């Protein structure tokens, strides 16, 4: 056999061995398990299966329940009522949507009305949910409504890159007269960036600190250092009941 034939056969063998090695390496790589947040395994420092640790998904064991501080029904006019729900999120996580279910009762604890809704919730936030113009017909509510939340909530972990707005309420003024109750204030954007989709929710308390009036409003976008006035009015509210008030301003940090 000539030297040329020997080299040619050797080349074929080397190419065959190289192709075989590549196939074996490919098969090993294809079947090698890589830890991830979607592998249905608790690994890579996760607190539970595919959540916690390096995963963006929040584990159930990381979360405390959203607390209802108070819930009340307020008569506005005729058969219409407003509902106020003051809640607290004790968690360092956000909710794009918090579905809630409100049930209103009469004096005999017979349900009058069920109201469903949803709101965003920021981390470590106390917020006022205001539901307006709930028609109860000619039945009279009594006692506190019950408030329940969807048990399967999709909590979002903060990335640390969110821009946190600073909104300040200034010059709050509560006025009462025979024509009703008026609450006004100025909202200032103390952030270094424009803030849009601002919600303003108001609650008025009597002398005992019990909520007697609620209302809500939407504010326009505010440039850095910008201000806007917000006014809440209750034309038929008893003036003697309005002693103090709070205004909560917030914007959705999950967007």
Protein backbone atom coordinates (compact mmCIF):
# COMPACT_ATOMS: atom_id res chain seq x y z
CA UNK A 1 0.00 0.00 0.00
CA UNK A 2 1.36 3.39 -0.96
CA UNK A 3 2.02 6.16 1.55
CA UNK A 4 -0.69 8.26 -0.16
CA UNK A 5 -3.34 5.56 0.32
CA UNK A 6 -2.32 5.17 3.95
CA UNK A 7 -2.67 8.90 4.57
CA UNK A 8 -6.05 8.95 2.82
CA UNK A 9 -7.41 6.09 4.95
CA UNK A 10 -6.03 7.77 8.07
CA UNK A 11 -7.82 11.01 7.11
CA UNK A 12 -11.13 9.12 6.73
CA UNK A 13 -10.64 7.54 10.16
CA UNK A 14 -9.83 10.88 11.79
CA UNK A 15 -12.88 12.54 10.18
CA UNK A 16 -15.08 9.65 11.34
CA UNK A 17 -13.69 9.90 14.89
CA UNK A 18 -14.21 13.70 14.89
CA UNK A 19 -17.84 13.33 13.72
CA UNK A 20 -18.43 10.67 16.37
CA UNK A 21 -16.99 12.92 19.07
CA UNK A 22 -19.20 15.81 17.95
CA UNK A 23 -22.29 13.58 18.02
CA UNK A 24 -21.44 12.31 21.52
CA UNK A 25 -20.78 15.85 22.81
CA UNK A 26 -24.05 17.05 21.29
CA UNK A 27 -26.00 14.24 22.91
CA UNK A 28 -24.40 14.94 26.29
CA UNK A 29 -25.15 18.67 26.02
CA UNK A 30 -28.73 18.02 24.93
CA UNK A 31 -29.40 15.72 27.84
CA UNK A 32 -27.46 17.65 30.47
CA UNK A 33 -29.77 19.22 33.08
CA UNK A 34 -29.34 22.97 33.53
CA UNK A 35 -30.87 24.43 36.69
CA UNK A 36 -33.59 26.97 35.92
CA UNK A 37 -36.69 28.58 37.42
CA UNK A 38 -38.97 26.44 35.22
CA UNK A 39 -37.59 22.92 35.73
CA UNK A 40 -40.12 21.87 38.41
CA UNK A 41 -37.26 21.22 40.81
CA UNK A 42 -36.13 22.98 43.98
CA UNK A 43 -32.49 23.79 43.23
CA UNK A 44 -30.04 26.70 42.74
CA UNK A 45 -30.91 28.17 46.16
CA UNK A 46 -34.69 28.37 45.59
CA UNK A 47 -36.93 28.62 48.67
CA UNK A 48 -39.47 26.30 47.06
CA UNK A 49 -39.96 24.71 43.65
CA UNK A 50 -39.16 27.34 40.99
CA UNK A 51 -39.65 30.32 43.32
CA UNK A 52 -37.61 32.45 45.68
CA UNK A 53 -33.83 32.80 45.62
CA UNK A 54 -32.72 33.64 42.08
CA UNK A 55 -36.26 33.24 40.67
CA UNK A 56 -38.53 36.23 40.08
CA UNK A 57 -41.58 34.23 41.15
CA UNK A 58 -42.54 34.83 44.79
CA UNK A 59 -43.10 31.77 46.99
CA UNK A 60 -46.25 31.45 49.07
CA UNK A 61 -44.13 31.05 52.20
CA UNK A 62 -42.58 34.51 51.60
CA UNK A 63 -45.94 36.29 51.69
CA UNK A 64 -48.17 37.53 54.51
CA UNK A 65 -51.89 38.14 53.95
CA UNK A 66 -53.18 41.56 52.93
CA UNK A 67 -54.82 43.08 56.03
CA UNK A 68 -58.18 44.83 56.11
CA UNK A 69 -57.87 47.64 58.68
CA UNK A 70 -61.45 48.79 58.28
CA UNK A 71 -64.35 48.63 55.82
CA UNK A 72 -67.44 50.81 55.90
CA UNK A 73 -70.50 51.76 53.84
CA UNK A 74 -71.45 55.46 53.47
CA UNK A 75 -74.82 56.81 52.35
CA UNK A 76 -74.48 59.52 49.69
CA UNK A 77 -77.94 60.17 48.25
CA UNK A 78 -81.20 58.37 47.58
CA UNK A 79 -80.39 54.67 47.16
CA UNK A 80 -76.69 55.20 46.41
CA UNK A 81 -73.81 54.41 48.75
CA UNK A 82 -70.01 54.56 48.71
CA UNK A 83 -67.81 51.82 50.15
CA UNK A 84 -64.43 52.51 51.73
CA UNK A 85 -61.87 49.76 52.44
CA UNK A 86 -58.59 50.63 54.14
CA UNK A 87 -56.01 47.87 53.67
CA UNK A 88 -52.33 47.21 54.31
CA UNK A 89 -49.82 45.23 52.26
CA UNK A 90 -47.11 44.10 54.75
CA UNK A 91 -45.01 42.52 52.00
CA UNK A 92 -41.99 43.84 50.05
CA UNK A 93 -43.77 42.65 46.88
CA UNK A 94 -46.30 44.22 44.53
CA UNK A 95 -49.54 43.08 42.97
CA UNK A 96 -50.50 44.03 39.44
CA UNK A 97 -54.05 43.11 40.43
CA UNK A 98 -55.67 42.44 43.80
CA UNK A 99 -59.18 41.11 43.10
CA UNK A 100 -61.57 41.75 46.00
CA UNK A 101 -65.10 40.73 46.90
CA UNK A 102 -67.28 42.91 49.14
CA UNK A 103 -70.54 41.73 50.69
CA UNK A 104 -72.93 44.26 52.28
CA UNK A 105 -75.51 43.23 54.91
CA UNK A 106 -78.67 44.65 56.46
CA UNK A 107 -79.45 44.78 60.20
CA UNK A 108 -80.50 41.10 60.17
CA UNK A 109 -77.16 40.09 58.59
CA UNK A 110 -78.93 39.25 55.34
CA UNK A 111 -76.72 40.01 52.31
CA UNK A 112 -77.91 43.02 50.33
CA UNK A 113 -75.27 43.36 47.66
CA UNK A 114 -72.05 41.77 46.42
CA UNK A 115 -69.48 44.02 44.78
CA UNK A 116 -66.37 42.79 42.95
CA UNK A 117 -63.38 44.80 41.82
CA UNK A 118 -59.59 44.89 41.62
CA UNK A 119 -56.76 47.31 42.31
CA UNK A 120 -52.98 47.42 42.05
CA UNK A 121 -50.99 47.26 45.28
CA UNK A 122 -47.48 48.58 45.82
CA UNK A 123 -44.94 47.11 48.24
CA UNK A 124 -45.36 47.99 51.95
CA UNK A 125 -48.38 50.15 51.11
CA UNK A 126 -51.43 51.23 53.07
CA UNK A 127 -54.18 52.23 50.67
CA UNK A 128 -57.81 53.24 50.55
CA UNK A 129 -60.09 51.46 48.10
CA UNK A 130 -63.14 53.60 47.27
CA UNK A 131 -66.14 52.13 45.45
CA UNK A 132 -68.67 54.77 44.48
CA UNK A 133 -72.36 54.79 43.57
CA UNK A 134 -73.31 51.34 44.82
CA UNK A 135 -77.09 51.07 44.41
CA UNK A 136 -78.70 49.20 47.31
CA UNK A 137 -82.28 49.89 46.32
CA UNK A 138 -84.45 50.66 49.32
CA UNK A 139 -82.64 48.35 51.72
CA UNK A 140 -80.53 49.89 54.48
CA UNK A 141 -77.06 48.53 55.19
CA UNK A 142 -75.85 48.06 58.73
CA UNK A 143 -72.58 46.96 60.29
CA UNK A 144 -69.33 46.39 58.46
CA UNK A 145 -69.23 44.71 55.06
CA UNK A 146 -67.03 41.65 54.66
CA UNK A 147 -64.02 41.85 52.36
CA UNK A 148 -62.27 38.83 50.89
CA UNK A 149 -59.40 38.57 48.42
CA UNK A 150 -58.58 36.05 45.72
CA UNK A 151 -56.43 33.37 47.45
CA UNK A 152 -54.26 32.85 44.36
CA UNK A 153 -52.42 36.13 43.98
CA UNK A 154 -49.56 36.69 41.55
CA UNK A 155 -47.04 38.64 43.61
CA UNK A 156 -44.25 40.47 41.79
CA UNK A 157 -40.73 40.83 43.16
CA UNK A 158 -39.19 44.31 42.91
CA UNK A 159 -36.13 44.41 40.68
CA UNK A 160 -34.52 47.35 42.46
CA UNK A 161 -34.56 49.32 39.21
CA UNK A 162 -37.98 50.86 39.76
CA UNK A 163 -38.22 54.63 39.93
CA UNK A 164 -39.99 55.43 43.19
CA UNK A 165 -42.08 58.62 42.93
CA UNK A 166 -42.31 61.11 45.78
CA UNK A 167 -45.74 62.74 45.91
CA UNK A 168 -46.44 65.25 48.68
CA UNK A 169 -49.83 66.51 49.87
CA UNK A 170 -49.71 70.20 50.85
CA UNK A 171 -52.14 72.80 52.21
CA UNK A 172 -54.85 70.32 53.17
CA UNK A 173 -58.05 72.21 54.01
CA UNK A 174 -61.25 70.73 55.44
CA UNK A 175 -64.27 73.03 55.46
CA UNK A 176 -67.80 72.36 56.67
CA UNK A 177 -70.96 74.42 56.18
CA UNK A 178 -74.68 74.05 55.81
CA UNK A 179 -74.11 73.21 52.14
CA UNK A 180 -71.89 70.22 52.95
CA UNK A 181 -68.24 69.27 53.40
CA UNK A 182 -65.31 70.31 51.22
CA UNK A 183 -61.77 68.92 51.31
CA UNK A 184 -59.01 70.43 49.17
CA UNK A 185 -55.24 70.16 48.91
CA UNK A 186 -52.28 70.63 46.60
CA UNK A 187 -50.30 67.64 45.35
CA UNK A 188 -46.64 68.23 44.44
CA UNK A 189 -44.31 65.92 42.54
CA UNK A 190 -41.01 65.92 44.45
CA UNK A 191 -39.54 63.25 42.16
CA UNK A 192 -36.82 63.89 39.58
CA UNK A 193 -39.08 62.54 36.83
CA UNK A 194 -42.61 62.95 35.52
CA UNK A 195 -45.31 60.96 37.33
CA UNK A 196 -48.54 60.00 35.56
CA UNK A 197 -51.76 58.10 36.35
CA UNK A 198 -51.95 59.44 39.90
CA UNK A 199 -54.80 58.32 42.14
CA UNK A 200 -56.05 60.46 45.03
CA UNK A 201 -58.33 58.91 47.66
CA UNK A 202 -59.84 60.87 50.55
CA UNK A 203 -61.37 59.94 53.88
CA UNK A 204 -63.00 62.23 56.45
CA UNK A 205 -63.20 61.30 60.14
CA UNK A 206 -65.50 62.35 62.95
CA UNK A 207 -64.39 63.33 66.45
CA UNK A 208 -63.90 59.69 67.48
CA UNK A 209 -61.63 58.98 64.50
CA UNK A 210 -64.25 56.91 62.67
CA UNK A 211 -64.41 57.28 58.89
CA UNK A 212 -67.63 59.05 57.85
CA UNK A 213 -66.95 60.09 54.23
CA UNK A 214 -64.83 58.76 51.34
CA UNK A 215 -64.16 59.85 47.79
CA UNK A 216 -61.64 59.40 44.99
CA UNK A 217 -60.17 61.34 42.09
CA UNK A 218 -57.73 60.96 39.19
CA UNK A 219 -54.96 63.51 38.75
CA UNK A 220 -53.14 64.59 35.61
CA UNK A 221 -49.46 63.92 35.02
CA UNK A 222 -47.04 66.00 37.05
CA UNK A 223 -43.63 67.13 35.87
CA UNK A 224 -40.78 67.27 38.41
CA UNK A 225 -41.66 70.00 40.90
CA UNK A 226 -45.11 70.37 39.36
CA UNK A 227 -48.26 70.86 41.42
CA UNK A 228 -51.97 70.36 40.97
CA UNK A 229 -55.01 71.00 43.14
CA UNK A 230 -57.44 68.30 44.17
CA UNK A 231 -60.91 68.94 45.59
CA UNK A 232 -63.44 66.56 47.15
CA UNK A 233 -67.00 67.63 47.92
CA UNK A 234 -69.89 66.00 49.77
CA UNK A 235 -72.90 68.32 49.26
CA UNK A 236 -75.31 66.58 51.65
CA UNK A 237 -72.87 65.51 54.34
CA UNK A 238 -73.54 66.69 57.91
CA UNK A 239 -71.06 69.44 58.70
CA UNK A 240 -70.77 68.48 62.37
CA UNK A 241 -69.31 65.07 61.48
CA UNK A 242 -66.23 66.35 59.63
CA UNK A 243 -63.35 66.86 62.05
CA UNK A 244 -60.20 65.61 60.28
CA UNK A 245 -59.21 64.04 56.97
CA UNK A 246 -56.53 62.11 55.10
CA UNK A 247 -55.65 62.16 51.41
CA UNK A 248 -53.74 59.23 49.92
CA UNK A 249 -51.93 59.76 46.61
CA UNK A 250 -50.26 56.92 44.75
CA UNK A 251 -49.32 55.57 41.34
CA UNK A 252 -48.87 52.06 40.02
CA UNK A 253 -45.24 50.94 40.44
CA UNK A 254 -45.92 47.62 38.68
CA UNK A 255 -46.10 49.31 35.27
